[in-house]
Amino acid sequence: MKTLLILIIIFFTTIVSAQGQKDKKPSDFLPEGYLIVEMINGDLNKDSLEDCFLIIKGTDKSKIINDKYSGELDRNRRGIIVLFNKDGRYEMVVRNKDCFFSENEGGGVYFPPELYVEIEKGNLKVNYGHGRYGHWSYTFRFQNSDFELIGYDRSNGGAVTKSETSINFLTKRKLEKVNLYKNTEERDEVFKETRTDIKVKRLIKLSEIKDFDNLDLSFGD
């Protein structure tokens, strides 16, 4: 009788536990001291299910400063959590708590770069826009149990593009384009293209990036 009672308790405990995992919300994956600033859904592992990634931000009060010109600024860094949808429940694949600078970082004589993350063709894209100073993006694909950096694109210039760089870390090729008429807005853009091979020892993993602002893309080339 005692053995039967123990088995019944184990059975119902398992059911409750499984139900709790199934109903787990994205917010349940937040580390202590962080909040969600953005949540985006889309298929990131090509299983036709809506996955989820979160942009998170620290809430450390010591990182809130008083700037002489801008007043109170929250300098807590931001990070990312990627969750896969497993038939109605979520499973955390990657968590990097502090890889993005605060939206209130100094931008020198210009505003700081604007961060926006999106899902494009099943890949995770981390984009930065910086007005007349151009824009750049990092493309990650889920493989080898992490999101690995497979592409980097950068465009310099505002109304007139001065140069563009595109790196494919899978084919190990870099394309550089320089506008021959970048000093005038009265002519069409004409680019000189240069293609080179690069050395790639290993692909960078999203979980390993400490700071996108200081990410080394030299790869030993």
N, C-alpha and C. Protein backbone atom coordinates (compact mmCIF):
# COMPACT_ATOMS: atom_id res chain seq x y z
N MET A 1 0.83 -1.21 0.00
CA MET A 1 0.00 0.00 0.00
C MET A 1 0.87 1.26 0.00
N LYS A 2 1.91 1.23 0.83
CA LYS A 2 2.80 2.38 0.92
C LYS A 2 3.52 2.60 -0.41
N THR A 3 3.94 1.49 -1.03
CA THR A 3 4.63 1.59 -2.33
C THR A 3 3.71 2.17 -3.39
N LEU A 4 2.45 1.73 -3.40
CA LEU A 4 1.47 2.24 -4.36
C LEU A 4 1.26 3.73 -4.18
N LEU A 5 1.17 4.17 -2.92
CA LEU A 5 0.98 5.60 -2.64
C LEU A 5 2.15 6.43 -3.16
N ILE A 6 3.37 5.93 -2.97
CA ILE A 6 4.56 6.63 -3.45
C ILE A 6 4.53 6.75 -4.97
N LEU A 7 4.13 5.68 -5.64
CA LEU A 7 4.07 5.69 -7.11
C LEU A 7 3.04 6.69 -7.60
N ILE A 8 1.91 6.78 -6.91
CA ILE A 8 0.86 7.73 -7.30
C ILE A 8 1.37 9.17 -7.15
N ILE A 9 2.07 9.43 -6.04
CA ILE A 9 2.61 10.77 -5.81
C ILE A 9 3.62 11.14 -6.89
N ILE A 10 4.51 10.21 -7.25
CA ILE A 10 5.50 10.45 -8.29
C ILE A 10 4.83 10.73 -9.62
N PHE A 11 3.76 9.96 -9.92
CA PHE A 11 3.04 10.12 -11.19
C PHE A 11 2.45 11.52 -11.33
N PHE A 12 1.74 11.97 -10.28
CA PHE A 12 1.11 13.28 -10.34
C PHE A 12 2.12 14.42 -10.28
N THR A 13 3.23 14.22 -9.59
CA THR A 13 4.30 15.23 -9.56
C THR A 13 4.90 15.42 -10.94
N THR A 14 5.07 14.31 -11.66
CA THR A 14 5.62 14.37 -13.02
C THR A 14 4.69 15.11 -13.95
N ILE A 15 3.38 14.86 -13.83
CA ILE A 15 2.40 15.53 -14.68
C ILE A 15 2.41 17.04 -14.44
N VAL A 16 2.42 17.43 -13.15
CA VAL A 16 2.44 18.85 -12.80
C VAL A 16 3.70 19.52 -13.30
N SER A 17 4.84 18.84 -13.15
CA SER A 17 6.13 19.38 -13.61
C SER A 17 6.14 19.58 -15.10
N ALA A 18 5.65 18.58 -15.83
CA ALA A 18 5.62 18.66 -17.30
C ALA A 18 4.71 19.78 -17.76
N GLN A 19 3.54 19.93 -17.07
CA GLN A 19 2.61 20.99 -17.43
C GLN A 19 3.23 22.36 -17.20
N GLY A 20 4.02 22.48 -16.11
CA GLY A 20 4.69 23.74 -15.82
C GLY A 20 5.69 24.10 -16.88
N GLN A 21 6.44 23.11 -17.40
CA GLN A 21 7.41 23.34 -18.47
C GLN A 21 6.69 23.75 -19.75
N LYS A 22 5.58 23.12 -20.04
CA LYS A 22 4.84 23.39 -21.27
C LYS A 22 4.31 24.80 -21.30
N ASP A 23 3.89 25.31 -20.14
CA ASP A 23 3.28 26.63 -20.07
C ASP A 23 4.29 27.74 -19.77
N LYS A 24 5.56 27.40 -19.78
CA LYS A 24 6.58 28.38 -19.40
C LYS A 24 6.57 29.58 -20.35
N LYS A 25 6.59 30.79 -19.79
CA LYS A 25 6.54 32.02 -20.57
C LYS A 25 7.96 32.52 -20.85
N PRO A 26 8.14 33.31 -21.93
CA PRO A 26 9.47 33.88 -22.20
C PRO A 26 10.04 34.65 -21.03
N SER A 27 9.18 35.34 -20.29
CA SER A 27 9.68 36.13 -19.15
C SER A 27 10.25 35.26 -18.04
N ASP A 28 9.90 33.98 -18.02
CA ASP A 28 10.43 33.09 -16.99
C ASP A 28 11.92 32.82 -17.16
N PHE A 29 12.46 33.16 -18.32
CA PHE A 29 13.87 32.91 -18.60
C PHE A 29 14.75 34.12 -18.26
N LEU A 30 14.13 35.19 -17.78
CA LEU A 30 14.90 36.39 -17.43
C LEU A 30 15.82 36.12 -16.25
N PRO A 31 17.10 36.52 -16.35
CA PRO A 31 17.97 36.44 -15.17
C PRO A 31 17.55 37.50 -14.16
N GLU A 32 17.90 37.29 -12.93
CA GLU A 32 17.55 38.24 -11.88
C GLU A 32 18.20 39.60 -12.14
N GLY A 33 17.43 40.65 -11.97
CA GLY A 33 17.96 42.00 -12.17
C GLY A 33 17.88 42.48 -13.60
N TYR A 34 17.07 41.83 -14.43
CA TYR A 34 16.91 42.23 -15.84
C TYR A 34 15.44 42.36 -16.18
N LEU A 35 15.17 43.15 -17.22
CA LEU A 35 13.81 43.28 -17.73
C LEU A 35 13.82 43.14 -19.24
N ILE A 36 12.66 42.86 -19.82
CA ILE A 36 12.53 42.73 -21.28
C ILE A 36 12.25 44.09 -21.88
N VAL A 37 13.04 44.48 -22.89
CA VAL A 37 12.79 45.75 -23.58
C VAL A 37 12.20 45.51 -24.97
N GLU A 38 12.35 44.28 -25.49
CA GLU A 38 11.77 43.96 -26.80
C GLU A 38 11.65 42.45 -26.93
N MET A 39 10.55 42.00 -27.57
CA MET A 39 10.36 40.58 -27.82
C MET A 39 9.87 40.41 -29.26
N ILE A 40 10.56 39.55 -30.02
CA ILE A 40 10.22 39.32 -31.42
C ILE A 40 10.08 37.82 -31.66
N ASN A 41 9.07 37.45 -32.46
CA ASN A 41 8.82 36.05 -32.77
C ASN A 41 9.10 35.75 -34.23
N GLY A 42 9.54 34.54 -34.50
CA GLY A 42 9.81 34.10 -35.87
C GLY A 42 10.53 32.76 -35.85
N ASP A 43 10.53 32.07 -36.97
CA ASP A 43 11.16 30.75 -37.04
C ASP A 43 12.66 30.88 -37.22
N LEU A 44 13.42 30.38 -36.26
CA LEU A 44 14.87 30.50 -36.29
C LEU A 44 15.60 29.17 -36.49
N ASN A 45 14.86 28.07 -36.53
CA ASN A 45 15.51 26.77 -36.75
C ASN A 45 14.79 25.93 -37.80
N LYS A 46 13.98 26.60 -38.63
CA LYS A 46 13.36 25.99 -39.80
C LYS A 46 12.50 24.77 -39.47
N ASP A 47 11.73 24.88 -38.36
CA ASP A 47 10.79 23.81 -38.03
C ASP A 47 9.34 24.28 -38.13
N SER A 48 9.17 25.48 -38.72
CA SER A 48 7.84 26.08 -38.95
C SER A 48 7.12 26.47 -37.67
N LEU A 49 7.85 26.55 -36.55
CA LEU A 49 7.28 27.01 -35.29
C LEU A 49 7.81 28.40 -34.95
N GLU A 50 6.99 29.19 -34.28
CA GLU A 50 7.36 30.56 -33.94
C GLU A 50 8.28 30.56 -32.72
N ASP A 51 9.56 30.79 -32.96
CA ASP A 51 10.52 30.92 -31.88
C ASP A 51 10.47 32.35 -31.33
N CYS A 52 11.33 32.65 -30.39
CA CYS A 52 11.26 33.95 -29.73
C CYS A 52 12.65 34.40 -29.32
N PHE A 53 12.93 35.68 -29.52
CA PHE A 53 14.15 36.22 -28.91
C PHE A 53 13.80 37.50 -28.14
N LEU A 54 14.50 37.68 -27.06
CA LEU A 54 14.28 38.80 -26.17
C LEU A 54 15.50 39.70 -26.14
N ILE A 55 15.27 41.00 -26.21
CA ILE A 55 16.32 41.96 -25.88
C ILE A 55 16.08 42.35 -24.43
N ILE A 56 17.10 42.14 -23.60
CA ILE A 56 16.95 42.38 -22.17
C ILE A 56 17.90 43.50 -21.72
N LYS A 57 17.63 44.01 -20.54
CA LYS A 57 18.44 45.13 -20.05
C LYS A 57 18.56 45.04 -18.53
N GLY A 58 19.76 45.33 -18.03
CA GLY A 58 19.99 45.33 -16.60
C GLY A 58 19.28 46.46 -15.89
N THR A 59 19.09 46.29 -14.59
CA THR A 59 18.38 47.31 -13.80
C THR A 59 19.23 47.78 -12.61
N ASP A 60 20.54 47.67 -12.75
CA ASP A 60 21.44 48.07 -11.67
C ASP A 60 21.38 49.59 -11.47
N LYS A 61 20.93 50.02 -10.31
CA LYS A 61 20.76 51.46 -10.05
C LYS A 61 22.08 52.21 -10.06
N SER A 62 23.18 51.50 -9.78
CA SER A 62 24.48 52.18 -9.78
C SER A 62 24.91 52.57 -11.19
N LYS A 63 24.25 52.01 -12.21
CA LYS A 63 24.59 52.33 -13.60
C LYS A 63 23.76 53.50 -14.13
N ILE A 64 22.91 54.06 -13.30
CA ILE A 64 22.12 55.23 -13.69
C ILE A 64 22.87 56.47 -13.22
N ILE A 65 23.27 57.30 -14.17
CA ILE A 65 24.12 58.44 -13.86
C ILE A 65 23.41 59.75 -14.17
N ASN A 66 23.96 60.83 -13.66
CA ASN A 66 23.47 62.18 -13.98
C ASN A 66 24.49 62.85 -14.89
N ASP A 67 24.09 63.06 -16.13
CA ASP A 67 24.96 63.69 -17.11
C ASP A 67 24.77 65.22 -17.07
N LYS A 68 25.87 65.92 -17.24
CA LYS A 68 25.85 67.38 -17.16
C LYS A 68 24.90 68.00 -18.17
N TYR A 69 24.82 67.40 -19.36
CA TYR A 69 24.01 67.99 -20.43
C TYR A 69 22.69 67.26 -20.66
N SER A 70 22.67 65.94 -20.41
CA SER A 70 21.48 65.15 -20.74
C SER A 70 20.64 64.75 -19.54
N GLY A 71 21.11 65.07 -18.33
CA GLY A 71 20.35 64.70 -17.15
C GLY A 71 20.56 63.23 -16.79
N GLU A 72 19.53 62.59 -16.27
CA GLU A 72 19.64 61.21 -15.82
C GLU A 72 19.70 60.24 -17.02
N LEU A 73 20.72 59.37 -17.01
CA LEU A 73 20.91 58.41 -18.09
C LEU A 73 21.09 57.01 -17.51
N ASP A 74 20.38 56.06 -18.09
CA ASP A 74 20.50 54.66 -17.68
C ASP A 74 21.56 53.99 -18.55
N ARG A 75 22.72 53.71 -17.97
CA ARG A 75 23.82 53.12 -18.72
C ARG A 75 23.91 51.60 -18.54
N ASN A 76 22.87 50.97 -18.03
CA ASN A 76 22.85 49.51 -17.97
C ASN A 76 22.94 48.93 -19.38
N ARG A 77 23.78 47.92 -19.54
CA ARG A 77 23.95 47.29 -20.83
C ARG A 77 22.75 46.40 -21.16
N ARG A 78 22.67 46.02 -22.44
CA ARG A 78 21.59 45.17 -22.91
C ARG A 78 22.14 43.82 -23.39
N GLY A 79 21.26 42.85 -23.47
CA GLY A 79 21.67 41.52 -23.91
C GLY A 79 20.57 40.84 -24.69
N ILE A 80 20.74 39.55 -24.96
CA ILE A 80 19.79 38.82 -25.79
C ILE A 80 19.58 37.41 -25.24
N ILE A 81 18.35 36.94 -25.34
CA ILE A 81 17.99 35.56 -25.02
C ILE A 81 17.24 35.00 -26.22
N VAL A 82 17.66 33.82 -26.69
CA VAL A 82 16.99 33.16 -27.82
C VAL A 82 16.31 31.90 -27.29
N LEU A 83 15.00 31.79 -27.57
CA LEU A 83 14.20 30.67 -27.10
C LEU A 83 13.60 29.92 -28.28
N PHE A 84 13.73 28.62 -28.30
CA PHE A 84 13.11 27.81 -29.34
C PHE A 84 11.77 27.28 -28.84
N ASN A 85 10.81 27.27 -29.74
CA ASN A 85 9.48 26.74 -29.44
C ASN A 85 9.50 25.23 -29.65
N LYS A 86 9.28 24.49 -28.56
CA LYS A 86 9.26 23.03 -28.61
C LYS A 86 7.83 22.55 -28.35
N ASP A 87 7.01 22.60 -29.41
CA ASP A 87 5.62 22.13 -29.33
C ASP A 87 4.85 22.78 -28.18
N GLY A 88 4.95 24.09 -28.09
CA GLY A 88 4.16 24.82 -27.11
C GLY A 88 4.91 25.23 -25.86
N ARG A 89 6.10 24.75 -25.67
CA ARG A 89 6.92 25.20 -24.54
C ARG A 89 8.21 25.78 -25.10
N TYR A 90 8.89 26.58 -24.29
CA TYR A 90 10.12 27.22 -24.74
C TYR A 90 11.36 26.54 -24.15
N GLU A 91 12.41 26.57 -24.94
CA GLU A 91 13.70 26.04 -24.52
C GLU A 91 14.76 27.09 -24.82
N MET A 92 15.54 27.49 -23.82
CA MET A 92 16.56 28.51 -24.02
C MET A 92 17.76 27.93 -24.76
N VAL A 93 18.14 28.58 -25.86
CA VAL A 93 19.26 28.13 -26.68
C VAL A 93 20.50 28.96 -26.41
N VAL A 94 20.33 30.28 -26.35
CA VAL A 94 21.45 31.19 -26.13
C VAL A 94 21.02 32.29 -25.16
N ARG A 95 21.90 32.62 -24.24
CA ARG A 95 21.70 33.79 -23.39
C ARG A 95 23.02 34.53 -23.28
N ASN A 96 23.02 35.80 -23.66
CA ASN A 96 24.18 36.66 -23.54
C ASN A 96 23.69 37.96 -22.92
N LYS A 97 23.95 38.15 -21.65
CA LYS A 97 23.28 39.19 -20.87
C LYS A 97 23.75 40.61 -21.15
N ASP A 98 24.98 40.80 -21.60
CA ASP A 98 25.55 42.16 -21.62
C ASP A 98 26.32 42.48 -22.91
N CYS A 99 25.95 41.88 -24.03
CA CYS A 99 26.76 42.04 -25.24
C CYS A 99 26.49 43.36 -25.98
N PHE A 100 25.40 44.06 -25.64
CA PHE A 100 25.06 45.32 -26.32
C PHE A 100 25.23 46.51 -25.36
N PHE A 101 25.73 47.62 -25.88
CA PHE A 101 25.84 48.80 -25.03
C PHE A 101 24.46 49.38 -24.73
N SER A 102 24.40 50.26 -23.76
CA SER A 102 23.16 50.94 -23.42
C SER A 102 22.72 51.84 -24.57
N GLU A 103 21.42 52.02 -24.70
CA GLU A 103 20.91 52.96 -25.70
C GLU A 103 21.25 54.40 -25.35
N ASN A 104 21.79 54.60 -24.15
CA ASN A 104 22.15 55.95 -23.71
C ASN A 104 23.66 56.18 -23.69
N GLU A 105 24.40 55.35 -24.41
CA GLU A 105 25.84 55.57 -24.49
C GLU A 105 26.13 56.88 -25.23
N GLY A 106 27.30 57.44 -24.98
CA GLY A 106 27.67 58.68 -25.67
C GLY A 106 27.93 58.42 -27.14
N GLY A 107 27.51 59.36 -27.97
CA GLY A 107 27.73 59.23 -29.40
C GLY A 107 28.69 60.26 -29.94
N GLY A 108 29.48 60.85 -29.05
CA GLY A 108 30.40 61.89 -29.50
C GLY A 108 29.61 63.12 -29.93
N VAL A 109 29.92 63.64 -31.10
CA VAL A 109 29.20 64.81 -31.61
C VAL A 109 27.89 64.40 -32.27
N TYR A 110 27.63 63.10 -32.33
CA TYR A 110 26.43 62.59 -32.99
C TYR A 110 25.72 61.67 -32.01
N PHE A 111 24.49 61.28 -32.33
CA PHE A 111 23.78 60.36 -31.44
C PHE A 111 24.42 58.96 -31.50
N PRO A 112 24.24 58.13 -30.46
CA PRO A 112 24.83 56.79 -30.48
C PRO A 112 24.15 55.91 -31.52
N PRO A 113 24.84 54.88 -32.02
CA PRO A 113 24.22 53.98 -33.00
C PRO A 113 22.94 53.36 -32.45
N GLU A 114 21.96 53.17 -33.33
CA GLU A 114 20.68 52.58 -32.94
C GLU A 114 20.70 51.08 -33.21
N LEU A 115 20.39 50.29 -32.20
CA LEU A 115 20.37 48.84 -32.31
C LEU A 115 18.97 48.35 -32.69
N TYR A 116 18.90 47.45 -33.68
CA TYR A 116 17.65 46.75 -33.94
C TYR A 116 17.97 45.34 -34.42
N VAL A 117 17.26 44.38 -33.86
CA VAL A 117 17.49 42.96 -34.15
C VAL A 117 16.27 42.41 -34.86
N GLU A 118 16.48 41.54 -35.84
CA GLU A 118 15.37 41.01 -36.63
C GLU A 118 15.65 39.58 -37.07
N ILE A 119 14.61 38.91 -37.53
CA ILE A 119 14.73 37.59 -38.13
C ILE A 119 14.55 37.75 -39.63
N GLU A 120 15.54 37.28 -40.39
CA GLU A 120 15.50 37.41 -41.84
C GLU A 120 15.91 36.09 -42.48
N LYS A 121 14.99 35.49 -43.21
CA LYS A 121 15.24 34.21 -43.90
C LYS A 121 15.74 33.13 -42.94
N GLY A 122 15.17 33.11 -41.74
CA GLY A 122 15.54 32.11 -40.76
C GLY A 122 16.81 32.41 -39.99
N ASN A 123 17.47 33.51 -40.32
CA ASN A 123 18.69 33.92 -39.62
C ASN A 123 18.39 35.05 -38.64
N LEU A 124 19.25 35.19 -37.65
CA LEU A 124 19.15 36.27 -36.67
C LEU A 124 20.10 37.38 -37.09
N LYS A 125 19.57 38.60 -37.28
CA LYS A 125 20.39 39.72 -37.72
C LYS A 125 20.44 40.80 -36.64
N VAL A 126 21.64 41.17 -36.30
CA VAL A 126 21.88 42.26 -35.36
C VAL A 126 22.33 43.47 -36.17
N ASN A 127 21.52 44.53 -36.16
CA ASN A 127 21.77 45.70 -37.00
C ASN A 127 22.05 46.94 -36.17
N TYR A 128 22.91 47.79 -36.71
CA TYR A 128 23.16 49.10 -36.12
C TYR A 128 23.00 50.16 -37.20
N GLY A 129 22.29 51.23 -36.86
CA GLY A 129 22.16 52.37 -37.76
C GLY A 129 22.76 53.61 -37.11
N HIS A 130 23.53 54.38 -37.90
CA HIS A 130 24.22 55.54 -37.33
C HIS A 130 24.12 56.74 -38.26
N GLY A 131 22.92 56.95 -38.80
CA GLY A 131 22.68 58.14 -39.61
C GLY A 131 23.67 58.32 -40.74
N ARG A 132 24.25 59.50 -40.82
CA ARG A 132 25.17 59.81 -41.92
C ARG A 132 26.48 59.03 -41.84
N TYR A 133 26.71 58.35 -40.70
CA TYR A 133 27.92 57.54 -40.58
C TYR A 133 27.72 56.12 -41.09
N GLY A 134 26.52 55.83 -41.57
CA GLY A 134 26.28 54.53 -42.19
C GLY A 134 25.58 53.54 -41.28
N HIS A 135 25.60 52.28 -41.71
CA HIS A 135 24.96 51.22 -40.93
C HIS A 135 25.73 49.93 -41.14
N TRP A 136 25.57 48.98 -40.19
CA TRP A 136 26.27 47.71 -40.30
C TRP A 136 25.43 46.62 -39.64
N SER A 137 25.67 45.38 -40.03
CA SER A 137 24.87 44.28 -39.50
C SER A 137 25.69 43.00 -39.40
N TYR A 138 25.26 42.15 -38.45
CA TYR A 138 25.87 40.85 -38.22
C TYR A 138 24.79 39.79 -38.43
N THR A 139 25.07 38.78 -39.24
CA THR A 139 24.10 37.72 -39.53
C THR A 139 24.53 36.43 -38.86
N PHE A 140 23.62 35.86 -38.05
CA PHE A 140 23.89 34.63 -37.33
C PHE A 140 22.94 33.52 -37.80
N ARG A 141 23.46 32.31 -37.88
CA ARG A 141 22.66 31.13 -38.23
C ARG A 141 22.80 30.10 -37.11
N PHE A 142 21.68 29.43 -36.80
CA PHE A 142 21.75 28.40 -35.76
C PHE A 142 22.39 27.14 -36.32
N GLN A 143 23.51 26.77 -35.74
CA GLN A 143 24.23 25.55 -36.10
C GLN A 143 25.23 25.25 -34.99
N ASN A 144 25.55 23.98 -34.84
CA ASN A 144 26.49 23.55 -33.79
C ASN A 144 26.05 24.00 -32.40
N SER A 145 24.73 23.90 -32.15
CA SER A 145 24.14 24.19 -30.84
C SER A 145 24.30 25.64 -30.39
N ASP A 146 24.51 26.55 -31.33
CA ASP A 146 24.65 27.98 -31.00
C ASP A 146 24.31 28.77 -32.25
N PHE A 147 24.26 30.09 -32.13
CA PHE A 147 24.12 30.94 -33.30
C PHE A 147 25.52 31.42 -33.68
N GLU A 148 25.95 31.05 -34.89
CA GLU A 148 27.30 31.38 -35.34
C GLU A 148 27.26 32.50 -36.37
N LEU A 149 28.25 33.37 -36.30
CA LEU A 149 28.33 34.52 -37.20
C LEU A 149 28.74 34.05 -38.59
N ILE A 150 27.84 34.23 -39.57
CA ILE A 150 28.13 33.79 -40.94
C ILE A 150 28.29 34.95 -41.91
N GLY A 151 27.90 36.17 -41.49
CA GLY A 151 28.01 37.30 -42.40
C GLY A 151 28.11 38.63 -41.69
N TYR A 152 28.81 39.56 -42.35
CA TYR A 152 28.94 40.92 -41.83
C TYR A 152 28.85 41.88 -43.01
N ASP A 153 28.02 42.93 -42.87
CA ASP A 153 27.85 43.93 -43.92
C ASP A 153 27.92 45.32 -43.32
N ARG A 154 28.63 46.21 -44.03
CA ARG A 154 28.76 47.59 -43.55
C ARG A 154 28.69 48.55 -44.72
N SER A 155 27.96 49.64 -44.52
CA SER A 155 27.87 50.71 -45.51
C SER A 155 28.25 52.02 -44.83
N ASN A 156 29.17 52.76 -45.42
CA ASN A 156 29.62 54.03 -44.87
C ASN A 156 29.07 55.19 -45.70
N GLY A 157 28.52 56.17 -45.02
CA GLY A 157 27.98 57.33 -45.72
C GLY A 157 26.50 57.47 -45.49
N GLY A 158 25.98 58.66 -45.75
CA GLY A 158 24.56 58.93 -45.58
C GLY A 158 23.83 58.93 -46.90
N ALA A 159 23.50 60.14 -47.41
CA ALA A 159 22.80 60.24 -48.69
C ALA A 159 23.62 59.65 -49.83
N VAL A 160 24.93 59.79 -49.73
CA VAL A 160 25.85 59.21 -50.72
C VAL A 160 26.68 58.13 -50.03
N THR A 161 26.64 56.93 -50.59
CA THR A 161 27.42 55.82 -50.02
C THR A 161 28.88 55.97 -50.42
N LYS A 162 29.76 56.03 -49.45
CA LYS A 162 31.19 56.16 -49.74
C LYS A 162 31.84 54.80 -49.98
N SER A 163 31.44 53.82 -49.18
CA SER A 163 32.03 52.49 -49.36
C SER A 163 31.11 51.44 -48.73
N GLU A 164 31.29 50.20 -49.17
CA GLU A 164 30.53 49.08 -48.64
C GLU A 164 31.47 47.90 -48.45
N THR A 165 31.24 47.14 -47.39
CA THR A 165 32.01 45.93 -47.13
C THR A 165 31.04 44.79 -46.82
N SER A 166 31.27 43.64 -47.44
CA SER A 166 30.43 42.47 -47.19
C SER A 166 31.35 41.26 -47.01
N ILE A 167 31.19 40.57 -45.87
CA ILE A 167 32.03 39.41 -45.58
C ILE A 167 31.14 38.18 -45.40
N ASN A 168 31.48 37.11 -46.12
CA ASN A 168 30.81 35.82 -45.98
C ASN A 168 31.79 34.87 -45.30
N PHE A 169 31.53 34.55 -44.04
CA PHE A 169 32.48 33.72 -43.29
C PHE A 169 32.37 32.24 -43.64
N LEU A 170 31.32 31.87 -44.37
CA LEU A 170 31.18 30.48 -44.80
C LEU A 170 32.00 30.22 -46.07
N THR A 171 31.93 31.16 -47.02
CA THR A 171 32.71 31.02 -48.25
C THR A 171 34.12 31.60 -48.10
N LYS A 172 34.34 32.32 -46.97
CA LYS A 172 35.63 32.94 -46.68
C LYS A 172 36.02 33.95 -47.76
N ARG A 173 35.06 34.78 -48.11
CA ARG A 173 35.28 35.81 -49.13
C ARG A 173 34.83 37.16 -48.61
N LYS A 174 35.57 38.20 -49.00
CA LYS A 174 35.24 39.58 -48.62
C LYS A 174 35.10 40.43 -49.88
N LEU A 175 34.02 41.19 -49.97
CA LEU A 175 33.79 42.10 -51.08
C LEU A 175 33.84 43.53 -50.55
N GLU A 176 34.69 44.34 -51.15
CA GLU A 176 34.80 45.75 -50.80
C GLU A 176 34.45 46.61 -52.01
N LYS A 177 33.59 47.58 -51.79
CA LYS A 177 33.16 48.49 -52.87
C LYS A 177 33.44 49.93 -52.45
N VAL A 178 34.12 50.67 -53.30
CA VAL A 178 34.46 52.07 -53.01
C VAL A 178 33.84 52.95 -54.09
N ASN A 179 33.10 53.96 -53.67
CA ASN A 179 32.46 54.87 -54.59
C ASN A 179 33.51 55.83 -55.18
N LEU A 180 33.65 55.81 -56.49
CA LEU A 180 34.65 56.65 -57.15
C LEU A 180 34.26 58.12 -57.13
N TYR A 181 32.97 58.41 -56.88
CA TYR A 181 32.50 59.80 -56.88
C TYR A 181 31.85 60.14 -55.55
N LYS A 182 32.47 59.73 -54.45
CA LYS A 182 31.87 59.90 -53.13
C LYS A 182 31.86 61.35 -52.64
N ASN A 183 32.58 62.24 -53.30
CA ASN A 183 32.66 63.63 -52.85
C ASN A 183 31.66 64.54 -53.52
N THR A 184 30.74 63.99 -54.28
CA THR A 184 29.72 64.80 -54.92
C THR A 184 28.39 64.09 -54.90
N GLU A 185 27.31 64.84 -54.84
CA GLU A 185 25.97 64.26 -54.87
C GLU A 185 25.30 64.49 -56.22
N GLU A 186 26.06 64.96 -57.20
CA GLU A 186 25.49 65.30 -58.50
C GLU A 186 25.67 64.19 -59.53
N ARG A 187 26.35 63.11 -59.16
CA ARG A 187 26.58 62.01 -60.09
C ARG A 187 26.09 60.71 -59.47
N ASP A 188 25.77 59.75 -60.34
CA ASP A 188 25.38 58.44 -59.85
C ASP A 188 26.56 57.77 -59.16
N GLU A 189 26.27 56.92 -58.20
CA GLU A 189 27.32 56.19 -57.50
C GLU A 189 27.94 55.16 -58.44
N VAL A 190 29.25 55.20 -58.54
CA VAL A 190 30.00 54.21 -59.34
C VAL A 190 31.04 53.58 -58.43
N PHE A 191 30.96 52.27 -58.29
CA PHE A 191 31.82 51.58 -57.33
C PHE A 191 32.93 50.78 -58.00
N LYS A 192 34.08 50.83 -57.37
CA LYS A 192 35.17 49.94 -57.72
C LYS A 192 35.13 48.77 -56.75
N GLU A 193 35.05 47.54 -57.28
CA GLU A 193 34.89 46.36 -56.45
C GLU A 193 36.20 45.58 -56.33
N THR A 194 36.44 45.10 -55.11
CA THR A 194 37.62 44.28 -54.85
C THR A 194 37.19 43.06 -54.04
N ARG A 195 37.52 41.88 -54.55
CA ARG A 195 37.17 40.63 -53.86
C ARG A 195 38.46 39.96 -53.38
N THR A 196 38.45 39.54 -52.12
CA THR A 196 39.62 38.90 -51.56
C THR A 196 39.20 37.68 -50.73
N ASP A 197 40.12 36.74 -50.59
CA ASP A 197 39.91 35.60 -49.70
C ASP A 197 40.33 36.00 -48.28
N ILE A 198 39.66 35.43 -47.30
CA ILE A 198 40.02 35.68 -45.90
C ILE A 198 40.25 34.34 -45.20
N LYS A 199 40.98 34.40 -44.12
CA LYS A 199 41.21 33.20 -43.30
C LYS A 199 40.20 33.17 -42.17
N VAL A 200 39.55 32.06 -41.99
CA VAL A 200 38.58 31.89 -40.91
C VAL A 200 38.95 30.64 -40.14
N LYS A 201 39.48 30.82 -38.95
CA LYS A 201 39.88 29.67 -38.13
C LYS A 201 38.67 28.99 -37.51
N ARG A 202 37.74 29.80 -37.02
CA ARG A 202 36.50 29.28 -36.43
C ARG A 202 35.46 30.39 -36.46
N LEU A 203 34.19 29.99 -36.49
CA LEU A 203 33.12 30.97 -36.51
C LEU A 203 32.83 31.48 -35.09
N ILE A 204 32.56 32.77 -35.00
CA ILE A 204 32.23 33.38 -33.71
C ILE A 204 30.83 32.96 -33.29
N LYS A 205 30.68 32.59 -32.02
CA LYS A 205 29.39 32.19 -31.49
C LYS A 205 28.75 33.36 -30.74
N LEU A 206 27.45 33.49 -30.90
CA LEU A 206 26.72 34.58 -30.25
C LEU A 206 26.88 34.54 -28.73
N SER A 207 26.90 33.36 -28.17
CA SER A 207 27.00 33.22 -26.72
C SER A 207 28.34 33.69 -26.18
N GLU A 208 29.36 33.78 -27.05
CA GLU A 208 30.71 34.12 -26.61
C GLU A 208 31.05 35.60 -26.74
N ILE A 209 30.21 36.36 -27.41
CA ILE A 209 30.53 37.76 -27.67
C ILE A 209 30.36 38.59 -26.40
N LYS A 210 31.44 39.23 -25.97
CA LYS A 210 31.39 40.05 -24.77
C LYS A 210 30.89 41.46 -25.05
N ASP A 211 31.22 41.97 -26.25
CA ASP A 211 30.86 43.35 -26.56
C ASP A 211 30.85 43.52 -28.07
N PHE A 212 29.68 43.72 -28.67
CA PHE A 212 29.59 43.91 -30.11
C PHE A 212 30.39 45.14 -30.55
N ASP A 213 30.51 46.12 -29.68
CA ASP A 213 31.20 47.35 -30.04
C ASP A 213 32.69 47.14 -30.24
N ASN A 214 33.24 46.08 -29.67
CA ASN A 214 34.67 45.79 -29.81
C ASN A 214 34.91 44.41 -30.42
N LEU A 215 34.00 43.97 -31.26
CA LEU A 215 34.11 42.64 -31.85
C LEU A 215 35.21 42.61 -32.91
N ASP A 216 36.14 41.68 -32.75
CA ASP A 216 37.28 41.55 -33.67
C ASP A 216 36.88 40.65 -34.83
N LEU A 217 36.85 41.20 -36.04
CA LEU A 217 36.48 40.43 -37.24
C LEU A 217 37.67 40.15 -38.14
N SER A 218 38.86 40.29 -37.61
CA SER A 218 40.06 40.08 -38.45
C SER A 218 40.24 38.62 -38.82
N PHE A 219 39.90 37.69 -37.94
CA PHE A 219 39.94 36.26 -38.22
C PHE A 219 41.32 35.81 -38.68
N GLY A 220 42.34 36.57 -38.34
CA GLY A 220 43.69 36.15 -38.70
C GLY A 220 44.03 36.39 -40.16
N ASP A 221 43.18 37.12 -40.91
CA ASP A 221 43.52 37.35 -42.33
C ASP A 221 44.52 38.49 -42.46
